[in-house]
């Protein structure tokens, strides 16, 4: 594996049972190894399942995981990638209603809003409601609001570490 190594987590917050093996196949394709997740019922969405996978791989693996799962119907997930030598961390959040959101993150996992995004929001400083809406969009607030009940339902769930071999 060339380049810097990083790690992250794939949080599948809700998936229909029929998609579970397809998600394992897609994640395994990206990670270059067989993936078998421990699926548990998702209390926040009866009939749906949740799973977590900690991974280690080359920079950009998080983006490849998020892209491999993007657009699947009824799927809620997040992918995190920790910062590594020369790159910021990232978080991708996906919901069926909102699609995908990407944000850079600092070493503590906080969303980092680029200067240009803040300047664009400040154009609306005279209208506090519009300014708030622009900043909420920059922070991915709608995704956090929708995913929070699913995150809470998964608190304390087991996490499996997966290291790429070869």
N, C-alpha and C. Protein backbone atom coordinates (compact mmCIF):
# COMPACT_ATOMS: atom_id res chain seq x y z
N UNK A 1 0.85 -1.15 0.00
CA UNK A 1 0.00 0.00 0.00
C UNK A 1 0.90 1.23 0.00
N UNK A 2 0.80 2.04 -1.01
CA UNK A 2 1.64 3.23 -1.13
C UNK A 2 1.01 4.40 -0.41
N UNK A 3 1.82 5.35 0.03
CA UNK A 3 1.32 6.56 0.67
C UNK A 3 1.10 6.39 2.15
N UNK A 4 0.63 7.48 2.77
CA UNK A 4 0.39 7.49 4.21
C UNK A 4 -0.81 6.61 4.57
N UNK A 5 -0.72 6.04 5.74
CA UNK A 5 -1.79 5.18 6.26
C UNK A 5 -2.64 6.00 7.22
N UNK A 6 -3.92 5.77 7.18
CA UNK A 6 -4.86 6.41 8.09
C UNK A 6 -5.86 5.37 8.56
N UNK A 7 -6.76 5.78 9.40
CA UNK A 7 -7.81 4.87 9.84
C UNK A 7 -9.10 5.64 10.00
N UNK A 8 -10.16 4.90 10.14
CA UNK A 8 -11.47 5.52 10.28
C UNK A 8 -12.51 4.49 10.65
N UNK A 9 -13.75 4.92 10.59
CA UNK A 9 -14.87 4.05 10.95
C UNK A 9 -15.99 4.23 9.94
N UNK A 10 -16.58 3.12 9.56
CA UNK A 10 -17.82 3.11 8.79
C UNK A 10 -18.93 2.82 9.77
N UNK A 11 -19.85 3.77 9.93
CA UNK A 11 -21.02 3.59 10.79
C UNK A 11 -22.22 3.41 9.86
N UNK A 12 -22.77 2.22 9.81
CA UNK A 12 -24.02 2.01 9.08
C UNK A 12 -25.12 2.17 10.11
N UNK A 13 -25.83 3.28 10.03
CA UNK A 13 -26.86 3.58 11.04
C UNK A 13 -28.16 2.85 10.78
N UNK A 14 -28.52 2.68 9.50
CA UNK A 14 -29.73 1.91 9.20
C UNK A 14 -29.66 1.40 7.77
N UNK A 15 -29.95 0.12 7.64
CA UNK A 15 -29.96 -0.53 6.33
C UNK A 15 -31.01 -1.63 6.35
N UNK A 16 -31.76 -1.79 5.26
CA UNK A 16 -32.67 -2.93 5.19
C UNK A 16 -31.88 -4.23 5.12
N UNK A 17 -32.42 -5.28 5.66
CA UNK A 17 -31.73 -6.58 5.71
C UNK A 17 -31.21 -6.99 4.33
N UNK A 18 -31.97 -6.73 3.28
CA UNK A 18 -31.57 -7.14 1.93
C UNK A 18 -30.29 -6.44 1.46
N UNK A 19 -30.00 -5.26 1.98
CA UNK A 19 -28.80 -4.53 1.57
C UNK A 19 -27.55 -4.93 2.35
N UNK A 20 -27.71 -5.57 3.49
CA UNK A 20 -26.57 -5.87 4.36
C UNK A 20 -25.45 -6.62 3.64
N UNK A 21 -25.72 -7.72 2.94
CA UNK A 21 -24.60 -8.41 2.27
C UNK A 21 -23.99 -7.59 1.14
N UNK A 22 -24.79 -6.75 0.50
CA UNK A 22 -24.27 -5.90 -0.57
C UNK A 22 -23.33 -4.84 -0.03
N UNK A 23 -23.65 -4.34 1.16
CA UNK A 23 -22.78 -3.35 1.81
C UNK A 23 -21.46 -3.99 2.21
N UNK A 24 -21.51 -5.21 2.72
CA UNK A 24 -20.28 -5.91 3.07
C UNK A 24 -19.41 -6.11 1.83
N UNK A 25 -20.03 -6.49 0.73
CA UNK A 25 -19.30 -6.70 -0.52
C UNK A 25 -18.67 -5.38 -0.99
N UNK A 26 -19.45 -4.27 -0.96
CA UNK A 26 -18.94 -2.97 -1.42
C UNK A 26 -17.77 -2.51 -0.54
N UNK A 27 -17.92 -2.63 0.79
CA UNK A 27 -16.84 -2.22 1.70
C UNK A 27 -15.61 -3.11 1.49
N UNK A 28 -15.81 -4.40 1.33
CA UNK A 28 -14.70 -5.31 1.09
C UNK A 28 -13.96 -5.00 -0.20
N UNK A 29 -14.71 -4.60 -1.22
CA UNK A 29 -14.11 -4.21 -2.49
C UNK A 29 -13.17 -3.02 -2.30
N UNK A 30 -13.62 -2.04 -1.53
CA UNK A 30 -12.80 -0.85 -1.29
C UNK A 30 -11.59 -1.20 -0.43
N UNK A 31 -11.80 -2.01 0.60
CA UNK A 31 -10.73 -2.32 1.55
C UNK A 31 -9.80 -3.43 1.07
N UNK A 32 -10.19 -4.14 0.03
CA UNK A 32 -9.34 -5.19 -0.51
C UNK A 32 -9.30 -6.45 0.33
N UNK A 33 -10.36 -6.69 1.09
CA UNK A 33 -10.43 -7.88 1.92
C UNK A 33 -11.90 -8.21 2.17
N UNK A 34 -12.16 -9.44 2.57
CA UNK A 34 -13.54 -9.85 2.87
C UNK A 34 -14.01 -9.12 4.12
N UNK A 35 -15.23 -8.62 4.08
CA UNK A 35 -15.82 -7.92 5.22
C UNK A 35 -17.07 -8.67 5.66
N UNK A 36 -17.15 -8.95 6.95
CA UNK A 36 -18.33 -9.57 7.54
C UNK A 36 -18.69 -8.75 8.77
N UNK A 37 -19.79 -8.04 8.71
CA UNK A 37 -20.19 -7.14 9.79
C UNK A 37 -21.14 -7.84 10.76
N UNK A 38 -21.13 -7.40 12.01
CA UNK A 38 -22.07 -7.87 13.02
C UNK A 38 -23.30 -6.97 12.97
N UNK A 39 -24.32 -7.40 12.27
CA UNK A 39 -25.54 -6.62 12.10
C UNK A 39 -26.44 -6.80 13.31
N UNK A 40 -26.92 -5.69 13.86
CA UNK A 40 -27.85 -5.73 14.98
C UNK A 40 -29.08 -4.90 14.62
N UNK A 41 -30.23 -5.22 15.19
CA UNK A 41 -31.42 -4.42 14.90
C UNK A 41 -31.21 -2.96 15.29
N UNK A 42 -31.77 -2.06 14.50
CA UNK A 42 -31.67 -0.62 14.77
C UNK A 42 -32.95 -0.20 15.50
N UNK A 43 -32.85 0.07 16.81
CA UNK A 43 -34.04 0.43 17.58
C UNK A 43 -34.75 1.70 17.08
N UNK A 44 -34.03 2.60 16.46
CA UNK A 44 -34.62 3.85 15.99
C UNK A 44 -35.42 3.66 14.70
N UNK A 45 -35.29 2.50 14.05
CA UNK A 45 -36.01 2.23 12.80
C UNK A 45 -36.32 0.73 12.74
N UNK A 46 -37.44 0.33 13.29
CA UNK A 46 -37.79 -1.09 13.28
C UNK A 46 -37.72 -1.68 11.88
N UNK A 47 -37.13 -2.87 11.80
CA UNK A 47 -36.96 -3.54 10.51
C UNK A 47 -35.64 -3.21 9.83
N UNK A 48 -34.89 -2.26 10.38
CA UNK A 48 -33.59 -1.89 9.84
C UNK A 48 -32.50 -2.44 10.75
N UNK A 49 -31.27 -2.47 10.18
CA UNK A 49 -30.12 -3.01 10.92
C UNK A 49 -28.97 -2.00 10.91
N UNK A 50 -28.09 -2.16 11.89
CA UNK A 50 -26.95 -1.27 12.02
C UNK A 50 -25.69 -2.09 12.23
N UNK A 51 -24.54 -1.48 11.89
CA UNK A 51 -23.24 -2.13 12.09
C UNK A 51 -22.15 -1.07 12.05
N UNK A 52 -21.00 -1.41 12.60
CA UNK A 52 -19.84 -0.52 12.59
C UNK A 52 -18.62 -1.31 12.18
N UNK A 53 -17.73 -0.62 11.47
CA UNK A 53 -16.50 -1.25 11.02
C UNK A 53 -15.37 -0.24 11.14
N UNK A 54 -14.39 -0.53 11.96
CA UNK A 54 -13.19 0.29 12.02
C UNK A 54 -12.22 -0.24 10.99
N UNK A 55 -11.61 0.66 10.25
CA UNK A 55 -10.73 0.25 9.16
C UNK A 55 -9.41 1.01 9.22
N UNK A 56 -8.44 0.49 8.50
CA UNK A 56 -7.13 1.12 8.35
C UNK A 56 -6.75 0.96 6.89
N UNK A 57 -6.25 2.04 6.28
CA UNK A 57 -5.88 1.96 4.87
C UNK A 57 -5.19 3.23 4.41
N UNK A 58 -5.01 3.33 3.12
CA UNK A 58 -4.35 4.50 2.51
C UNK A 58 -5.25 5.73 2.62
N UNK A 59 -4.61 6.90 2.59
CA UNK A 59 -5.37 8.14 2.54
C UNK A 59 -6.37 8.06 1.40
N UNK A 60 -7.58 8.55 1.63
CA UNK A 60 -8.61 8.52 0.61
C UNK A 60 -9.53 7.32 0.70
N UNK A 61 -9.23 6.38 1.59
CA UNK A 61 -10.08 5.21 1.74
C UNK A 61 -11.48 5.61 2.20
N UNK A 62 -11.58 6.59 3.07
CA UNK A 62 -12.89 7.06 3.53
C UNK A 62 -13.74 7.57 2.37
N UNK A 63 -13.14 8.34 1.49
CA UNK A 63 -13.86 8.86 0.32
C UNK A 63 -14.32 7.71 -0.57
N UNK A 64 -13.47 6.72 -0.75
CA UNK A 64 -13.85 5.57 -1.59
C UNK A 64 -14.99 4.78 -0.96
N UNK A 65 -14.96 4.61 0.37
CA UNK A 65 -16.06 3.92 1.05
C UNK A 65 -17.37 4.70 0.89
N UNK A 66 -17.32 6.01 1.15
CA UNK A 66 -18.52 6.84 1.04
C UNK A 66 -19.08 6.79 -0.38
N UNK A 67 -18.21 6.83 -1.37
CA UNK A 67 -18.65 6.79 -2.77
C UNK A 67 -19.26 5.44 -3.14
N UNK A 68 -18.69 4.37 -2.60
CA UNK A 68 -19.19 3.03 -2.91
C UNK A 68 -20.61 2.82 -2.39
N UNK A 69 -20.98 3.52 -1.33
CA UNK A 69 -22.30 3.35 -0.72
C UNK A 69 -23.29 4.45 -1.09
N UNK A 70 -22.81 5.48 -1.72
CA UNK A 70 -23.61 6.67 -2.02
C UNK A 70 -24.83 6.33 -2.88
N UNK A 71 -25.96 6.90 -2.48
CA UNK A 71 -27.17 6.82 -3.28
C UNK A 71 -28.01 5.57 -3.09
N UNK A 72 -27.61 4.67 -2.19
CA UNK A 72 -28.41 3.47 -1.98
C UNK A 72 -29.68 3.83 -1.22
N UNK A 73 -30.80 3.37 -1.70
CA UNK A 73 -32.10 3.68 -1.11
C UNK A 73 -32.18 3.15 0.32
N UNK A 74 -32.78 3.93 1.19
CA UNK A 74 -33.06 3.55 2.59
C UNK A 74 -31.80 3.37 3.44
N UNK A 75 -30.68 3.90 3.02
CA UNK A 75 -29.42 3.68 3.74
C UNK A 75 -28.98 4.97 4.43
N UNK A 76 -28.66 4.85 5.72
CA UNK A 76 -28.09 5.95 6.49
C UNK A 76 -26.72 5.49 6.97
N UNK A 77 -25.70 6.29 6.69
CA UNK A 77 -24.36 5.91 7.12
C UNK A 77 -23.49 7.14 7.30
N UNK A 78 -22.38 6.92 8.00
CA UNK A 78 -21.32 7.91 8.12
C UNK A 78 -19.99 7.19 7.96
N UNK A 79 -19.06 7.88 7.35
CA UNK A 79 -17.70 7.38 7.22
C UNK A 79 -16.79 8.47 7.78
N UNK A 80 -15.88 8.08 8.65
CA UNK A 80 -14.88 9.02 9.13
C UNK A 80 -13.51 8.56 8.67
N UNK A 81 -12.64 9.52 8.44
CA UNK A 81 -11.24 9.24 8.15
C UNK A 81 -10.42 10.21 8.99
N UNK A 82 -9.54 9.67 9.81
CA UNK A 82 -8.71 10.52 10.67
C UNK A 82 -7.68 11.27 9.84
N UNK A 83 -7.24 12.41 10.38
CA UNK A 83 -6.17 13.15 9.71
C UNK A 83 -4.90 12.30 9.74
N UNK A 84 -4.08 12.47 8.74
CA UNK A 84 -2.81 11.75 8.66
C UNK A 84 -1.80 12.70 8.03
N UNK A 85 -0.58 12.25 7.90
CA UNK A 85 0.49 13.10 7.40
C UNK A 85 0.08 13.80 6.10
N UNK A 86 -0.03 15.12 6.17
CA UNK A 86 -0.31 15.93 4.99
C UNK A 86 -1.77 16.09 4.62
N UNK A 87 -2.70 15.47 5.36
CA UNK A 87 -4.12 15.62 5.03
C UNK A 87 -4.97 15.83 6.27
N UNK A 88 -6.04 16.58 6.09
CA UNK A 88 -7.02 16.75 7.16
C UNK A 88 -7.87 15.49 7.25
N UNK A 89 -8.58 15.37 8.34
CA UNK A 89 -9.54 14.30 8.47
C UNK A 89 -10.81 14.68 7.70
N UNK A 90 -11.70 13.72 7.60
CA UNK A 90 -12.96 13.96 6.88
C UNK A 90 -14.08 13.16 7.50
N UNK A 91 -15.30 13.64 7.25
CA UNK A 91 -16.50 12.91 7.63
C UNK A 91 -17.50 13.02 6.49
N UNK A 92 -18.08 11.89 6.12
CA UNK A 92 -19.14 11.85 5.12
C UNK A 92 -20.38 11.33 5.82
N UNK A 93 -21.49 12.03 5.65
CA UNK A 93 -22.77 11.62 6.22
C UNK A 93 -23.76 11.45 5.09
N UNK A 94 -24.56 10.39 5.15
CA UNK A 94 -25.54 10.13 4.09
C UNK A 94 -26.88 9.75 4.70
N UNK A 95 -27.95 10.36 4.16
CA UNK A 95 -29.31 9.96 4.49
C UNK A 95 -30.08 9.85 3.18
N UNK A 96 -31.14 9.04 3.17
CA UNK A 96 -31.92 8.91 1.94
C UNK A 96 -32.54 10.24 1.50
N UNK A 97 -32.96 11.05 2.45
CA UNK A 97 -33.65 12.30 2.14
C UNK A 97 -32.69 13.42 1.74
N UNK A 98 -31.51 13.47 2.35
CA UNK A 98 -30.59 14.59 2.14
C UNK A 98 -29.45 14.28 1.19
N UNK A 99 -29.18 13.02 0.93
CA UNK A 99 -28.02 12.66 0.13
C UNK A 99 -26.76 12.69 0.98
N UNK A 100 -25.65 13.07 0.38
CA UNK A 100 -24.36 12.99 1.07
C UNK A 100 -23.83 14.38 1.43
N UNK A 101 -23.18 14.46 2.58
CA UNK A 101 -22.53 15.68 3.05
C UNK A 101 -21.09 15.31 3.40
N UNK A 102 -20.17 16.17 3.00
CA UNK A 102 -18.76 15.97 3.33
C UNK A 102 -18.23 17.19 4.06
N UNK A 103 -17.42 16.94 5.07
CA UNK A 103 -16.76 18.03 5.79
C UNK A 103 -15.36 17.61 6.18
N UNK A 104 -14.45 18.58 6.16
CA UNK A 104 -13.12 18.34 6.72
C UNK A 104 -13.26 18.36 8.23
N UNK A 105 -12.39 17.62 8.92
CA UNK A 105 -12.41 17.59 10.37
C UNK A 105 -11.01 17.81 10.91
N UNK A 106 -10.96 18.32 12.14
CA UNK A 106 -9.66 18.50 12.79
C UNK A 106 -9.29 17.22 13.54
N UNK A 107 -8.20 17.25 14.28
CA UNK A 107 -7.72 16.05 14.97
C UNK A 107 -8.68 15.57 16.05
N UNK A 108 -9.61 16.42 16.47
CA UNK A 108 -10.58 16.05 17.50
C UNK A 108 -11.92 15.62 16.89
N UNK A 109 -12.03 15.66 15.56
CA UNK A 109 -13.27 15.28 14.90
C UNK A 109 -14.24 16.43 14.67
N UNK A 110 -13.84 17.65 15.04
CA UNK A 110 -14.71 18.80 14.82
C UNK A 110 -14.73 19.17 13.34
N UNK A 111 -15.89 19.59 12.86
CA UNK A 111 -16.01 20.05 11.48
C UNK A 111 -15.25 21.37 11.33
N UNK A 112 -14.46 21.46 10.27
CA UNK A 112 -13.70 22.66 9.96
C UNK A 112 -14.39 23.34 8.78
N UNK A 113 -14.82 24.58 8.98
CA UNK A 113 -15.50 25.33 7.93
C UNK A 113 -14.48 26.24 7.26
N UNK A 114 -14.28 26.07 5.95
CA UNK A 114 -13.29 26.88 5.23
C UNK A 114 -13.65 28.38 5.24
N UNK A 115 -12.62 29.18 5.18
CA UNK A 115 -12.76 30.64 5.20
C UNK A 115 -13.75 31.15 4.16
N UNK A 116 -13.67 30.64 2.94
CA UNK A 116 -14.56 31.12 1.88
C UNK A 116 -16.02 30.81 2.20
N UNK A 117 -16.28 29.70 2.85
CA UNK A 117 -17.66 29.34 3.22
C UNK A 117 -18.19 30.30 4.28
N UNK A 118 -17.33 30.70 5.21
CA UNK A 118 -17.73 31.67 6.24
C UNK A 118 -17.99 33.02 5.60
N UNK A 119 -17.10 33.44 4.70
CA UNK A 119 -17.29 34.72 4.02
C UNK A 119 -18.59 34.74 3.22
N UNK A 120 -18.92 33.64 2.56
CA UNK A 120 -20.17 33.56 1.80
C UNK A 120 -21.38 33.68 2.73
N UNK A 121 -21.30 33.07 3.90
CA UNK A 121 -22.39 33.16 4.86
C UNK A 121 -22.53 34.58 5.40
N UNK A 122 -21.40 35.26 5.62
CA UNK A 122 -21.43 36.63 6.16
C UNK A 122 -22.09 37.63 5.23
N UNK A 123 -22.21 37.31 3.96
CA UNK A 123 -22.93 38.17 3.02
C UNK A 123 -24.36 38.38 3.52
N UNK A 124 -24.88 37.42 4.27
CA UNK A 124 -26.25 37.47 4.77
C UNK A 124 -26.32 37.91 6.23
N UNK A 125 -25.28 38.60 6.72
CA UNK A 125 -25.21 38.98 8.13
C UNK A 125 -26.37 39.89 8.55
N UNK A 126 -26.92 40.67 7.62
CA UNK A 126 -28.03 41.57 7.97
C UNK A 126 -29.31 40.79 8.26
N UNK A 127 -29.38 39.55 7.79
CA UNK A 127 -30.55 38.69 8.01
C UNK A 127 -30.12 37.51 8.89
N UNK A 128 -30.30 37.64 10.21
CA UNK A 128 -29.81 36.59 11.12
C UNK A 128 -30.32 35.19 10.79
N UNK A 129 -31.56 35.07 10.35
CA UNK A 129 -32.10 33.75 10.03
C UNK A 129 -31.37 33.16 8.82
N UNK A 130 -31.10 33.96 7.83
CA UNK A 130 -30.39 33.48 6.63
C UNK A 130 -28.94 33.14 6.97
N UNK A 131 -28.29 33.99 7.80
CA UNK A 131 -26.92 33.71 8.23
C UNK A 131 -26.87 32.37 8.96
N UNK A 132 -27.83 32.15 9.86
CA UNK A 132 -27.89 30.90 10.61
C UNK A 132 -28.06 29.70 9.67
N UNK A 133 -28.94 29.85 8.67
CA UNK A 133 -29.19 28.79 7.70
C UNK A 133 -27.92 28.46 6.91
N UNK A 134 -27.18 29.49 6.52
CA UNK A 134 -25.94 29.26 5.76
C UNK A 134 -24.89 28.55 6.60
N UNK A 135 -24.77 28.96 7.86
CA UNK A 135 -23.79 28.31 8.75
C UNK A 135 -24.22 26.88 9.08
N UNK A 136 -25.52 26.67 9.28
CA UNK A 136 -26.01 25.31 9.52
C UNK A 136 -25.70 24.41 8.33
N UNK A 137 -25.86 24.93 7.12
CA UNK A 137 -25.54 24.15 5.92
C UNK A 137 -24.04 23.83 5.88
N UNK A 138 -23.21 24.81 6.19
CA UNK A 138 -21.75 24.60 6.18
C UNK A 138 -21.32 23.54 7.20
N UNK A 139 -22.05 23.45 8.31
CA UNK A 139 -21.73 22.49 9.36
C UNK A 139 -22.41 21.14 9.18
N UNK A 140 -23.33 21.05 8.22
CA UNK A 140 -24.05 19.79 8.02
C UNK A 140 -25.08 19.53 9.09
N UNK A 141 -25.68 20.59 9.62
CA UNK A 141 -26.62 20.46 10.73
C UNK A 141 -27.82 19.56 10.40
N UNK A 142 -28.35 19.68 9.20
CA UNK A 142 -29.50 18.85 8.83
C UNK A 142 -29.16 17.37 8.89
N UNK A 143 -27.96 16.99 8.48
CA UNK A 143 -27.52 15.60 8.53
C UNK A 143 -27.36 15.16 9.98
N UNK A 144 -26.76 16.02 10.80
CA UNK A 144 -26.62 15.67 12.22
C UNK A 144 -27.99 15.50 12.88
N UNK A 145 -28.92 16.39 12.56
CA UNK A 145 -30.26 16.30 13.15
C UNK A 145 -30.94 14.99 12.77
N UNK A 146 -30.82 14.60 11.52
CA UNK A 146 -31.47 13.37 11.08
C UNK A 146 -30.78 12.11 11.60
N UNK A 147 -29.46 12.15 11.72
CA UNK A 147 -28.72 10.96 12.13
C UNK A 147 -28.62 10.77 13.65
N UNK A 148 -28.82 11.83 14.41
CA UNK A 148 -28.62 11.74 15.87
C UNK A 148 -29.44 10.63 16.54
N UNK A 149 -30.71 10.45 16.23
CA UNK A 149 -31.43 9.33 16.88
C UNK A 149 -30.84 7.97 16.54
N UNK A 150 -30.27 7.83 15.36
CA UNK A 150 -29.66 6.57 14.95
C UNK A 150 -28.31 6.37 15.63
N UNK A 151 -27.57 7.46 15.83
CA UNK A 151 -26.30 7.37 16.56
C UNK A 151 -26.55 6.97 18.00
N UNK A 152 -27.51 7.61 18.62
CA UNK A 152 -27.82 7.33 20.03
C UNK A 152 -28.24 5.88 20.21
N UNK A 153 -29.03 5.36 19.27
CA UNK A 153 -29.50 3.98 19.36
C UNK A 153 -28.34 3.00 19.26
N UNK A 154 -27.21 3.43 18.66
CA UNK A 154 -26.07 2.54 18.51
C UNK A 154 -25.03 2.68 19.61
N UNK A 155 -25.27 3.53 20.59
CA UNK A 155 -24.29 3.75 21.65
C UNK A 155 -23.99 2.44 22.37
N UNK A 156 -22.73 2.14 22.52
CA UNK A 156 -22.32 0.94 23.22
C UNK A 156 -22.26 -0.30 22.35
N UNK A 157 -22.52 -0.15 21.06
CA UNK A 157 -22.49 -1.31 20.15
C UNK A 157 -21.04 -1.74 19.92
N UNK A 158 -20.83 -3.02 19.63
CA UNK A 158 -19.46 -3.48 19.41
C UNK A 158 -18.89 -2.92 18.10
N UNK A 159 -17.59 -2.70 18.10
CA UNK A 159 -16.88 -2.21 16.91
C UNK A 159 -15.84 -3.25 16.54
N UNK A 160 -15.76 -3.59 15.26
CA UNK A 160 -14.78 -4.56 14.77
C UNK A 160 -13.68 -3.81 14.03
N UNK A 161 -12.43 -4.07 14.37
CA UNK A 161 -11.29 -3.47 13.68
C UNK A 161 -10.90 -4.32 12.50
N UNK A 162 -10.65 -3.68 11.36
CA UNK A 162 -10.23 -4.40 10.17
C UNK A 162 -9.00 -3.72 9.62
N UNK A 163 -7.93 -4.46 9.46
CA UNK A 163 -6.68 -3.93 8.93
C UNK A 163 -6.46 -4.52 7.54
N UNK A 164 -6.12 -3.67 6.62
CA UNK A 164 -5.84 -4.15 5.27
C UNK A 164 -4.54 -4.92 5.28
N UNK A 165 -4.53 -6.05 4.63
CA UNK A 165 -3.35 -6.91 4.57
C UNK A 165 -2.75 -6.82 3.18
N UNK A 166 -1.42 -6.75 3.11
CA UNK A 166 -0.76 -6.79 1.80
C UNK A 166 -0.37 -5.51 1.30
